[in-house]
Amino acid sequence: MFHGLSAFPLTPVNETGIDEKAFVTLIQRLVAAGVDSIGALGSTGNYAYLNREERLRVLQLAVHSAEGIPVMTSISAIRTLEVLRLAEDAQRAGASAVLLAPISYQALTNEEVFSLYEQVTSSLSIPLCVYDNPGTSHFHFSDELHGRIAELPNIGSIKIPGVPTDPEAAKTRIKKLRGSIPPHVTIGVSGDSFAVTGLNAGCEAWFSVLGGLFPQACLNMTRLAQDGFADEAERLSALLEPIWTLFHQYGSLRVVSAAAEISGLISSPSLPLPLQPLNPSAREYLKLILNNLQE
């Protein structure tokens, strides 16, 4: 569940509802590529813009279409009560794991975050991945807090936001975090531009946005890093630098939704308001990037 490539597909949604057919098509692409796991309803999966019933429906579609590939789903919500309800839904729907970020309107303290994970894990029968995503949660985990949470039952992995770009500094970072957590808890890197560096530094998993749309390319990089071909994995990642740059400029969700539309996999509009699509010039540049990558 927490090793290799975990692909996080977009959930195409607009003001008329969820495009279920397009979502299933995206899942089928991941199955055909043979990803190690599927991350439904991550940030790219628009979980924050869906109600409980919509989230359950998307998860059911993912599990049903995954053909046995493990599916992890986000249970993040502002109130602990809602998180617990989402955890119940996830377990009943057949999710193999859950993903939880400490999101909140009010700034959370370390003790409040620890209490959240303590309450949720006490009633889980499946593993939980801690989602360390300060860019959206605005909460910054310390290694000490990661260590405390990782000792709780059913903690399986930590999804970190990235690693230093320098390979040696990345190895130092992963080694330091690993020294704070039990050996059974894996470390997975997100932030696609950092992914190969993270894998080469010792992360066991890549929680990938781009892998949810172009799984084969991301699988190739993952397998190279896992097999010790660090330089070749870095070379392939460097070829995607124009996409990584767009991710940093406009956010990966907007870029991936536009790429899916350009590729004919989903219809436009594919984002819930108030989110807006890429501007026309950025979209044309992305189209050029995708054409060049296919050549």
C-alpha atoms as a PDB file:
ATOM      1  CA  MET A   1       0.000   0.000   0.000  1.00  0.00           C
ATOM      2  CA  PHE A   2       2.755   2.453   0.912  1.00  0.00           C
ATOM      3  CA  HIS A   3       5.512   1.483  -1.509  1.00  0.00           C
ATOM      4  CA  GLY A   4       6.179   2.404  -5.124  1.00  0.00           C
ATOM      5  CA  LEU A   5       3.895   4.680  -7.142  1.00  0.00           C
ATOM      6  CA  SER A   6       0.639   5.796  -5.573  1.00  0.00           C
ATOM      7  CA  ALA A   7      -1.233   7.613  -8.346  1.00  0.00           C
ATOM      8  CA  PHE A   8      -3.674  10.371  -7.410  1.00  0.00           C
ATOM      9  CA  PRO A   9      -6.231  10.962 -10.180  1.00  0.00           C
ATOM     10  CA  LEU A  10      -8.251  14.089 -10.766  1.00  0.00           C
ATOM     11  CA  THR A  11     -11.934  14.027  -9.877  1.00  0.00           C
ATOM     12  CA  PRO A  12     -13.551  15.921 -12.775  1.00  0.00           C
ATOM     13  CA  VAL A  13     -16.296  18.058 -11.249  1.00  0.00           C
ATOM     14  CA  ASN A  14     -18.095  21.276 -12.143  1.00  0.00           C
ATOM     15  CA  GLU A  15     -21.329  22.984 -11.203  1.00  0.00           C
ATOM     16  CA  THR A  16     -23.417  20.263 -12.860  1.00  0.00           C
ATOM     17  CA  GLY A  17     -21.820  17.507 -10.798  1.00  0.00           C
ATOM     18  CA  ILE A  18     -19.147  14.819 -10.988  1.00  0.00           C
ATOM     19  CA  ASP A  19     -18.263  13.366 -14.371  1.00  0.00           C
ATOM     20  CA  GLU A  20     -18.385   9.748 -13.234  1.00  0.00           C
ATOM     21  CA  LYS A  21     -17.647   8.264 -16.639  1.00  0.00           C
ATOM     22  CA  ALA A  22     -14.502  10.359 -17.059  1.00  0.00           C
ATOM     23  CA  PHE A  23     -13.375   9.531 -13.541  1.00  0.00           C
ATOM     24  CA  VAL A  24     -13.710   5.794 -14.189  1.00  0.00           C
ATOM     25  CA  THR A  25     -11.718   6.237 -17.411  1.00  0.00           C
ATOM     26  CA  LEU A  26      -8.893   7.824 -15.406  1.00  0.00           C
ATOM     27  CA  ILE A  27      -8.950   4.934 -12.931  1.00  0.00           C
ATOM     28  CA  GLN A  28      -8.859   2.403 -15.764  1.00  0.00           C
ATOM     29  CA  ARG A  29      -5.714   4.065 -17.133  1.00  0.00           C
ATOM     30  CA  LEU A  30      -4.034   3.549 -13.770  1.00  0.00           C
ATOM     31  CA  VAL A  31      -5.100  -0.092 -13.682  1.00  0.00           C
ATOM     32  CA  ALA A  32      -3.805  -0.690 -17.203  1.00  0.00           C
ATOM     33  CA  ALA A  33      -0.444   0.852 -16.286  1.00  0.00           C
ATOM     34  CA  GLY A  34      -0.147  -1.288 -13.160  1.00  0.00           C
ATOM     35  CA  VAL A  35       0.362   1.414 -10.518  1.00  0.00           C
ATOM     36  CA  ASP A  36       1.087   0.164  -7.021  1.00  0.00           C
ATOM     37  CA  SER A  37      -1.844   1.978  -5.428  1.00  0.00           C
ATOM     38  CA  ILE A  38      -4.459   4.611  -6.194  1.00  0.00           C
ATOM     39  CA  GLY A  39      -5.071   7.738  -4.132  1.00  0.00           C
ATOM     40  CA  ALA A  40      -8.691   8.735  -4.594  1.00  0.00           C
ATOM     41  CA  LEU A  41      -9.911  12.104  -3.368  1.00  0.00           C
ATOM     42  CA  GLY A  42      -6.551  13.650  -2.669  1.00  0.00           C
ATOM     43  CA  SER A  43      -6.032  17.361  -3.171  1.00  0.00           C
ATOM     44  CA  THR A  44      -6.049  16.743  -6.918  1.00  0.00           C
ATOM     45  CA  GLY A  45      -9.180  14.691  -6.365  1.00  0.00           C
ATOM     46  CA  ASN A  46     -11.011  17.819  -5.211  1.00  0.00           C
ATOM     47  CA  TYR A  47     -12.053  16.276  -1.891  1.00  0.00           C
ATOM     48  CA  ALA A  48     -12.308  19.699  -0.244  1.00  0.00           C
ATOM     49  CA  TYR A  49     -15.013  20.746  -2.710  1.00  0.00           C
ATOM     50  CA  LEU A  50     -17.220  17.671  -2.325  1.00  0.00           C
ATOM     51  CA  ASN A  51     -19.795  16.801   0.324  1.00  0.00           C
ATOM     52  CA  ARG A  52     -19.854  13.501   2.202  1.00  0.00           C
ATOM     53  CA  GLU A  53     -22.218  11.770  -0.221  1.00  0.00           C
ATOM     54  CA  GLU A  54     -20.174  12.853  -3.245  1.00  0.00           C
ATOM     55  CA  ARG A  55     -16.948  11.684  -1.634  1.00  0.00           C
ATOM     56  CA  LEU A  56     -18.471   8.287  -0.880  1.00  0.00           C
ATOM     57  CA  ARG A  57     -19.696   7.942  -4.463  1.00  0.00           C
ATOM     58  CA  VAL A  58     -16.261   8.768  -5.908  1.00  0.00           C
ATOM     59  CA  LEU A  59     -14.613   6.284  -3.559  1.00  0.00           C
ATOM     60  CA  GLN A  60     -17.081   3.563  -4.507  1.00  0.00           C
ATOM     61  CA  LEU A  61     -16.337   4.164  -8.190  1.00  0.00           C
ATOM     62  CA  ALA A  62     -12.589   4.017  -7.526  1.00  0.00           C
ATOM     63  CA  VAL A  63     -12.717   0.796  -5.522  1.00  0.00           C
ATOM     64  CA  HIS A  64     -15.063  -0.868  -8.007  1.00  0.00           C
ATOM     65  CA  SER A  65     -12.894   0.114 -10.992  1.00  0.00           C
ATOM     66  CA  ALA A  66      -9.485  -0.568  -9.412  1.00  0.00           C
ATOM     67  CA  GLU A  67      -9.541  -4.324 -10.109  1.00  0.00           C
ATOM     68  CA  GLY A  68      -7.853  -5.182  -6.851  1.00  0.00           C
ATOM     69  CA  ILE A  69      -5.270  -2.395  -6.795  1.00  0.00           C
ATOM     70  CA  PRO A  70      -5.303  -0.889  -3.269  1.00  0.00           C
ATOM     71  CA  VAL A  71      -7.209   2.380  -3.002  1.00  0.00           C
ATOM     72  CA  MET A  72      -6.434   5.035  -0.407  1.00  0.00           C
ATOM     73  CA  THR A  73      -8.866   7.880   0.161  1.00  0.00           C
ATOM     74  CA  SER A  74      -8.754  11.210   1.967  1.00  0.00           C
ATOM     75  CA  ILE A  75     -10.852  11.583   5.102  1.00  0.00           C
ATOM     76  CA  SER A  76      -9.713  15.133   5.840  1.00  0.00           C
ATOM     77  CA  ALA A  77     -12.313  17.580   7.141  1.00  0.00           C
ATOM     78  CA  ILE A  78     -12.393  20.554   9.470  1.00  0.00           C
ATOM     79  CA  ARG A  79     -14.255  18.810  12.332  1.00  0.00           C
ATOM     80  CA  THR A  80     -13.097  15.595  13.954  1.00  0.00           C
ATOM     81  CA  LEU A  81     -16.689  14.356  13.960  1.00  0.00           C
ATOM     82  CA  GLU A  82     -16.806  14.593  10.179  1.00  0.00           C
ATOM     83  CA  VAL A  83     -13.406  12.916   9.849  1.00  0.00           C
ATOM     84  CA  LEU A  84     -14.705   9.984  11.873  1.00  0.00           C
ATOM     85  CA  ARG A  85     -17.782   9.715   9.670  1.00  0.00           C
ATOM     86  CA  LEU A  86     -15.642   9.774   6.547  1.00  0.00           C
ATOM     87  CA  ALA A  87     -13.417   7.079   8.045  1.00  0.00           C
ATOM     88  CA  GLU A  88     -16.482   4.895   8.566  1.00  0.00           C
ATOM     89  CA  ASP A  89     -17.545   5.469   4.957  1.00  0.00           C
ATOM     90  CA  ALA A  90     -14.059   4.599   3.706  1.00  0.00           C
ATOM     91  CA  GLN A  91     -13.953   1.319   5.593  1.00  0.00           C
ATOM     92  CA  ARG A  92     -17.439   0.294   4.476  1.00  0.00           C
ATOM     93  CA  ALA A  93     -16.648   1.158   0.850  1.00  0.00           C
ATOM     94  CA  GLY A  94     -13.604  -1.100   0.808  1.00  0.00           C
ATOM     95  CA  ALA A  95     -10.745   1.396   0.924  1.00  0.00           C
ATOM     96  CA  SER A  96      -7.380  -0.182   1.739  1.00  0.00           C
ATOM     97  CA  ALA A  97      -6.117   2.894   3.595  1.00  0.00           C
ATOM     98  CA  VAL A  98      -7.062   6.444   4.499  1.00  0.00           C
ATOM     99  CA  LEU A  99      -5.196   9.721   4.129  1.00  0.00           C
ATOM    100  CA  LEU A 100      -5.588  12.440   6.742  1.00  0.00           C
ATOM    101  CA  ALA A 101      -4.340  16.026   6.780  1.00  0.00           C
ATOM    102  CA  PRO A 102      -4.985  18.295   9.792  1.00  0.00           C
ATOM    103  CA  ILE A 103      -7.013  20.950   8.011  1.00  0.00           C
ATOM    104  CA  SER A 104      -8.724  23.669  10.005  1.00  0.00           C
ATOM    105  CA  TYR A 105     -10.127  27.193   9.869  1.00  0.00           C
ATOM    106  CA  GLN A 106      -8.515  28.050  13.185  1.00  0.00           C
ATOM    107  CA  ALA A 107      -4.770  27.429  13.545  1.00  0.00           C
ATOM    108  CA  LEU A 108      -4.206  24.099  15.300  1.00  0.00           C
ATOM    109  CA  THR A 109      -1.782  23.363  18.120  1.00  0.00           C
ATOM    110  CA  ASN A 110       0.443  20.297  18.230  1.00  0.00           C
ATOM    111  CA  GLU A 111      -1.759  18.748  20.909  1.00  0.00           C
ATOM    112  CA  GLU A 112      -4.909  19.316  18.882  1.00  0.00           C
ATOM    113  CA  VAL A 113      -3.331  17.620  15.873  1.00  0.00           C
ATOM    114  CA  PHE A 114      -2.097  14.704  17.961  1.00  0.00           C
ATOM    115  CA  SER A 115      -5.565  14.329  19.481  1.00  0.00           C
ATOM    116  CA  LEU A 116      -7.100  14.233  16.000  1.00  0.00           C
ATOM    117  CA  TYR A 117      -4.908  11.330  14.892  1.00  0.00           C
ATOM    118  CA  GLU A 118      -5.316   9.587  18.238  1.00  0.00           C
ATOM    119  CA  GLN A 119      -9.107   9.629  18.016  1.00  0.00           C
ATOM    120  CA  VAL A 120      -9.236   8.582  14.374  1.00  0.00           C
ATOM    121  CA  THR A 121      -6.733   5.719  14.601  1.00  0.00           C
ATOM    122  CA  SER A 122      -8.448   4.271  17.671  1.00  0.00           C
ATOM    123  CA  SER A 123     -11.473   3.305  15.566  1.00  0.00           C
ATOM    124  CA  LEU A 124      -9.732   2.300  12.330  1.00  0.00           C
ATOM    125  CA  SER A 125      -9.386  -1.197  10.962  1.00  0.00           C
ATOM    126  CA  ILE A 126      -7.242  -0.097   7.981  1.00  0.00           C
ATOM    127  CA  PRO A 127      -3.944   1.822   7.847  1.00  0.00           C
ATOM    128  CA  LEU A 128      -3.711   5.598   7.913  1.00  0.00           C
ATOM    129  CA  CYS A 129      -1.271   7.800   6.019  1.00  0.00           C
ATOM    130  CA  VAL A 130      -0.397  11.093   7.708  1.00  0.00           C
ATOM    131  CA  TYR A 131      -0.696  13.889   5.170  1.00  0.00           C
ATOM    132  CA  ASP A 132       1.910  16.557   5.882  1.00  0.00           C
ATOM    133  CA  ASN A 133       0.841  19.316   3.504  1.00  0.00           C
ATOM    134  CA  PRO A 134       1.538  22.764   4.965  1.00  0.00           C
ATOM    135  CA  GLY A 135       0.713  24.436   1.659  1.00  0.00           C
ATOM    136  CA  THR A 136      -2.994  23.711   2.146  1.00  0.00           C
ATOM    137  CA  SER A 137      -3.356  22.836   5.835  1.00  0.00           C
ATOM    138  CA  HIS A 138      -1.075  25.674   7.039  1.00  0.00           C
ATOM    139  CA  PHE A 139       0.117  23.338   9.773  1.00  0.00           C
ATOM    140  CA  HIS A 140       3.813  22.491  10.080  1.00  0.00           C
ATOM    141  CA  PHE A 141       4.695  19.118  11.571  1.00  0.00           C
ATOM    142  CA  SER A 142       7.820  18.778  13.644  1.00  0.00           C
ATOM    143  CA  ASP A 143       9.738  15.497  13.500  1.00  0.00           C
ATOM    144  CA  GLU A 144       8.908  15.065  17.178  1.00  0.00           C
ATOM    145  CA  LEU A 145       5.178  15.265  16.454  1.00  0.00           C
ATOM    146  CA  HIS A 146       5.545  12.886  13.516  1.00  0.00           C
ATOM    147  CA  GLY A 147       7.249  10.488  15.892  1.00  0.00           C
ATOM    148  CA  ARG A 148       4.450  10.670  18.458  1.00  0.00           C
ATOM    149  CA  ILE A 149       1.748  10.161  15.848  1.00  0.00           C
ATOM    150  CA  ALA A 150       3.647   7.324  14.164  1.00  0.00           C
ATOM    151  CA  GLU A 151       3.529   5.353  17.419  1.00  0.00           C
ATOM    152  CA  LEU A 152      -0.274   5.296  17.298  1.00  0.00           C
ATOM    153  CA  PRO A 153      -2.018   2.134  16.065  1.00  0.00           C
ATOM    154  CA  ASN A 154      -2.711   1.783  12.345  1.00  0.00           C
ATOM    155  CA  ILE A 155      -0.255   4.470  11.206  1.00  0.00           C
ATOM    156  CA  GLY A 156       1.284   3.122   8.005  1.00  0.00           C
ATOM    157  CA  SER A 157       3.008   6.004   6.241  1.00  0.00           C
ATOM    158  CA  ILE A 158       3.812   9.711   6.217  1.00  0.00           C
ATOM    159  CA  LYS A 159       3.231  11.738   3.065  1.00  0.00           C
ATOM    160  CA  ILE A 160       5.815  14.509   3.205  1.00  0.00           C
ATOM    161  CA  PRO A 161       5.568  17.684   1.102  1.00  0.00           C
ATOM    162  CA  GLY A 162       8.978  17.401  -0.555  1.00  0.00           C
ATOM    163  CA  VAL A 163      12.699  17.154   0.090  1.00  0.00           C
ATOM    164  CA  PRO A 164      15.683  19.475  -0.458  1.00  0.00           C
ATOM    165  CA  THR A 165      16.784  19.597  -4.079  1.00  0.00           C
ATOM    166  CA  ASP A 166      20.364  18.715  -3.189  1.00  0.00           C
ATOM    167  CA  PRO A 167      20.618  14.892  -3.134  1.00  0.00           C
ATOM    168  CA  GLU A 168      22.824  14.731  -0.056  1.00  0.00           C
ATOM    169  CA  ALA A 169      20.639  17.197   1.828  1.00  0.00           C
ATOM    170  CA  ALA A 170      17.611  15.110   0.831  1.00  0.00           C
ATOM    171  CA  LYS A 171      19.232  11.964   2.227  1.00  0.00           C
ATOM    172  CA  THR A 172      20.011  13.806   5.472  1.00  0.00           C
ATOM    173  CA  ARG A 173      16.395  14.979   5.729  1.00  0.00           C
ATOM    174  CA  ILE A 174      14.945  11.507   5.215  1.00  0.00           C
ATOM    175  CA  LYS A 175      17.442   9.941   7.616  1.00  0.00           C
ATOM    176  CA  LYS A 176      16.532  12.483  10.297  1.00  0.00           C
ATOM    177  CA  LEU A 177      12.794  11.879   9.932  1.00  0.00           C
ATOM    178  CA  ARG A 178      13.261   8.122   9.834  1.00  0.00           C
ATOM    179  CA  GLY A 179      15.128   8.334  13.125  1.00  0.00           C
ATOM    180  CA  SER A 180      11.956   9.713  14.738  1.00  0.00           C
ATOM    181  CA  ILE A 181       9.466   7.089  13.535  1.00  0.00           C
ATOM    182  CA  PRO A 182       9.052   3.308  13.925  1.00  0.00           C
ATOM    183  CA  PRO A 183      10.601   1.149  11.178  1.00  0.00           C
ATOM    184  CA  HIS A 184       7.231  -0.138   9.949  1.00  0.00           C
ATOM    185  CA  VAL A 185       6.074   3.381   9.008  1.00  0.00           C
ATOM    186  CA  THR A 186       7.140   4.301   5.483  1.00  0.00           C
ATOM    187  CA  ILE A 187       7.921   7.735   4.092  1.00  0.00           C
ATOM    188  CA  GLY A 188       6.330   8.832   0.843  1.00  0.00           C
ATOM    189  CA  VAL A 189       7.247  11.957  -1.070  1.00  0.00           C
ATOM    190  CA  SER A 190       4.766  14.272  -2.746  1.00  0.00           C
ATOM    191  CA  GLY A 191       5.456  17.404  -4.719  1.00  0.00           C
ATOM    192  CA  ASP A 192       6.187  15.787  -8.064  1.00  0.00           C
ATOM    193  CA  SER A 193       9.210  17.910  -8.907  1.00  0.00           C
ATOM    194  CA  PHE A 194      10.928  16.542  -5.765  1.00  0.00           C
ATOM    195  CA  ALA A 195       9.773  12.960  -6.229  1.00  0.00           C
ATOM    196  CA  VAL A 196      12.777  11.317  -7.851  1.00  0.00           C
ATOM    197  CA  THR A 197      15.157  13.083  -5.472  1.00  0.00           C
ATOM    198  CA  GLY A 198      13.031  11.798  -2.598  1.00  0.00           C
ATOM    199  CA  LEU A 199      12.970   8.247  -3.919  1.00  0.00           C
ATOM    200  CA  ASN A 200      16.724   8.319  -4.476  1.00  0.00           C
ATOM    201  CA  ALA A 201      17.118   9.609  -0.917  1.00  0.00           C
ATOM    202  CA  GLY A 202      15.284   6.619   0.544  1.00  0.00           C
ATOM    203  CA  CYS A 203      11.559   7.378   0.416  1.00  0.00           C
ATOM    204  CA  GLU A 204       9.607   4.171  -0.138  1.00  0.00           C
ATOM    205  CA  ALA A 205       6.722   5.751  -2.044  1.00  0.00           C
ATOM    206  CA  TRP A 206       5.853   8.524  -4.457  1.00  0.00           C
ATOM    207  CA  PHE A 207       2.372   9.985  -3.920  1.00  0.00           C
ATOM    208  CA  SER A 208       1.991  11.448  -7.393  1.00  0.00           C
ATOM    209  CA  VAL A 209      -0.312  14.003  -8.988  1.00  0.00           C
ATOM    210  CA  LEU A 210       1.093  13.503 -12.492  1.00  0.00           C
ATOM    211  CA  GLY A 211       0.955   9.739 -11.968  1.00  0.00           C
ATOM    212  CA  GLY A 212      -2.816  10.046 -11.767  1.00  0.00           C
ATOM    213  CA  LEU A 213      -2.884  11.212 -15.386  1.00  0.00           C
ATOM    214  CA  PHE A 214       0.291   9.836 -16.975  1.00  0.00           C
ATOM    215  CA  PRO A 215       1.005   6.746 -14.887  1.00  0.00           C
ATOM    216  CA  GLN A 216       3.441   5.019 -17.227  1.00  0.00           C
ATOM    217  CA  ALA A 217       5.916   7.889 -17.267  1.00  0.00           C
ATOM    218  CA  CYS A 218       5.821   8.141 -13.485  1.00  0.00           C
ATOM    219  CA  LEU A 219       6.082   4.373 -13.072  1.00  0.00           C
ATOM    220  CA  ASN A 220       9.210   4.377 -15.216  1.00  0.00           C
ATOM    221  CA  MET A 221      10.874   6.940 -12.949  1.00  0.00           C
ATOM    222  CA  THR A 222       9.740   5.120  -9.823  1.00  0.00           C
ATOM    223  CA  ARG A 223      11.053   1.753 -10.932  1.00  0.00           C
ATOM    224  CA  LEU A 224      14.400   3.229 -12.021  1.00  0.00           C
ATOM    225  CA  ALA A 225      14.849   4.862  -8.620  1.00  0.00           C
ATOM    226  CA  GLN A 226      13.790   1.688  -6.811  1.00  0.00           C
ATOM    227  CA  ASP A 227      16.252  -0.376  -8.846  1.00  0.00           C
ATOM    228  CA  GLY A 228      19.177   1.945  -8.119  1.00  0.00           C
ATOM    229  CA  PHE A 229      19.335   3.790 -11.445  1.00  0.00           C
ATOM    230  CA  ALA A 230      19.297   7.197  -9.769  1.00  0.00           C
ATOM    231  CA  ASP A 231      20.883   9.180 -12.606  1.00  0.00           C
ATOM    232  CA  GLU A 232      18.483   7.864 -15.236  1.00  0.00           C
ATOM    233  CA  ALA A 233      15.500   8.562 -12.993  1.00  0.00           C
ATOM    234  CA  GLU A 234      16.748  12.122 -12.493  1.00  0.00           C
ATOM    235  CA  ARG A 235      17.223  12.513 -16.253  1.00  0.00           C
ATOM    236  CA  LEU A 236      13.611  11.544 -16.941  1.00  0.00           C
ATOM    237  CA  SER A 237      12.370  13.869 -14.211  1.00  0.00           C
ATOM    238  CA  ALA A 238      14.391  16.719 -15.723  1.00  0.00           C
ATOM    239  CA  LEU A 239      12.572  16.203 -19.027  1.00  0.00           C
ATOM    240  CA  LEU A 240       9.365  17.087 -17.167  1.00  0.00           C
ATOM    241  CA  GLU A 241      10.768  20.316 -15.728  1.00  0.00           C
ATOM    242  CA  PRO A 242       8.428  22.492 -17.866  1.00  0.00           C
ATOM    243  CA  ILE A 243       5.458  20.743 -16.239  1.00  0.00           C
ATOM    244  CA  TRP A 244       6.981  21.058 -12.776  1.00  0.00           C
ATOM    245  CA  THR A 245       7.403  24.797 -13.440  1.00  0.00           C
ATOM    246  CA  LEU A 246       3.742  25.124 -14.385  1.00  0.00           C
ATOM    247  CA  PHE A 247       2.809  23.222 -11.213  1.00  0.00           C
ATOM    248  CA  HIS A 248       4.671  25.810  -9.148  1.00  0.00           C
ATOM    249  CA  GLN A 249       3.175  28.734 -11.069  1.00  0.00           C
ATOM    250  CA  TYR A 250      -0.473  27.710 -11.240  1.00  0.00           C
ATOM    251  CA  GLY A 251      -0.926  24.791  -8.862  1.00  0.00           C
ATOM    252  CA  SER A 252      -0.845  21.153  -9.911  1.00  0.00           C
ATOM    253  CA  LEU A 253      -4.645  20.791  -9.870  1.00  0.00           C
ATOM    254  CA  ARG A 254      -5.203  23.453 -12.545  1.00  0.00           C
ATOM    255  CA  VAL A 255      -2.376  22.098 -14.682  1.00  0.00           C
ATOM    256  CA  VAL A 256      -3.491  18.472 -14.470  1.00  0.00           C
ATOM    257  CA  SER A 257      -7.116  19.320 -15.211  1.00  0.00           C
ATOM    258  CA  ALA A 258      -6.022  21.271 -18.284  1.00  0.00           C
ATOM    259  CA  ALA A 259      -3.719  18.439 -19.384  1.00  0.00           C
ATOM    260  CA  ALA A 260      -6.571  15.941 -19.039  1.00  0.00           C
ATOM    261  CA  GLU A 261      -8.819  18.185 -21.125  1.00  0.00           C
ATOM    262  CA  ILE A 262      -6.122  18.682 -23.791  1.00  0.00           C
ATOM    263  CA  SER A 263      -5.576  14.919 -23.902  1.00  0.00           C
ATOM    264  CA  GLY A 264      -9.283  14.343 -24.511  1.00  0.00           C
ATOM    265  CA  LEU A 265      -9.763  12.352 -21.312  1.00  0.00           C
ATOM    266  CA  ILE A 266     -12.255  14.732 -19.700  1.00  0.00           C
ATOM    267  CA  SER A 267     -14.538  17.555 -20.787  1.00  0.00           C
ATOM    268  CA  SER A 268     -14.314  21.227 -19.877  1.00  0.00           C
ATOM    269  CA  PRO A 269     -15.031  22.724 -17.402  1.00  0.00           C
ATOM    270  CA  SER A 270     -13.552  20.193 -14.994  1.00  0.00           C
ATOM    271  CA  LEU A 271     -13.004  22.279 -11.858  1.00  0.00           C
ATOM    272  CA  PRO A 272     -15.519  23.394  -9.229  1.00  0.00           C
ATOM    273  CA  LEU A 273     -16.106  27.111  -8.788  1.00  0.00           C
ATOM    274  CA  PRO A 274     -14.561  29.355  -7.647  1.00  0.00           C
ATOM    275  CA  LEU A 275     -11.519  27.578  -9.150  1.00  0.00           C
ATOM    276  CA  GLN A 276     -10.691  28.830 -12.622  1.00  0.00           C
ATOM    277  CA  PRO A 277      -8.897  26.941 -15.405  1.00  0.00           C
ATOM    278  CA  LEU A 278      -5.472  27.821 -16.749  1.00  0.00           C
ATOM    279  CA  ASN A 279      -5.394  31.084 -18.672  1.00  0.00           C
ATOM    280  CA  PRO A 280      -5.280  30.707 -22.477  1.00  0.00           C
ATOM    281  CA  SER A 281      -1.556  31.437 -22.837  1.00  0.00           C
ATOM    282  CA  ALA A 282      -0.577  28.928 -20.129  1.00  0.00           C
ATOM    283  CA  ARG A 283      -2.903  26.362 -21.676  1.00  0.00           C
ATOM    284  CA  GLU A 284      -1.286  26.793 -25.099  1.00  0.00           C
ATOM    285  CA  TYR A 285       2.147  26.421 -23.537  1.00  0.00           C
ATOM    286  CA  LEU A 286       1.012  23.247 -21.770  1.00  0.00           C
ATOM    287  CA  LYS A 287      -0.335  21.893 -25.068  1.00  0.00           C
ATOM    288  CA  LEU A 288       3.064  22.499 -26.655  1.00  0.00           C
ATOM    289  CA  ILE A 289       4.804  20.717 -23.748  1.00  0.00           C
ATOM    290  CA  LEU A 290       2.539  17.695 -24.060  1.00  0.00           C
ATOM    291  CA  ASN A 291       3.065  17.529 -27.827  1.00  0.00           C
ATOM    292  CA  ASN A 292       6.848  17.651 -27.370  1.00  0.00           C
ATOM    293  CA  LEU A 293       6.764  14.898 -24.756  1.00  0.00           C
ATOM    294  CA  GLN A 294       4.856  12.612 -27.108  1.00  0.00           C
ATOM    295  CA  GLU A 295       7.375  13.075 -29.929  1.00  0.00           C
END
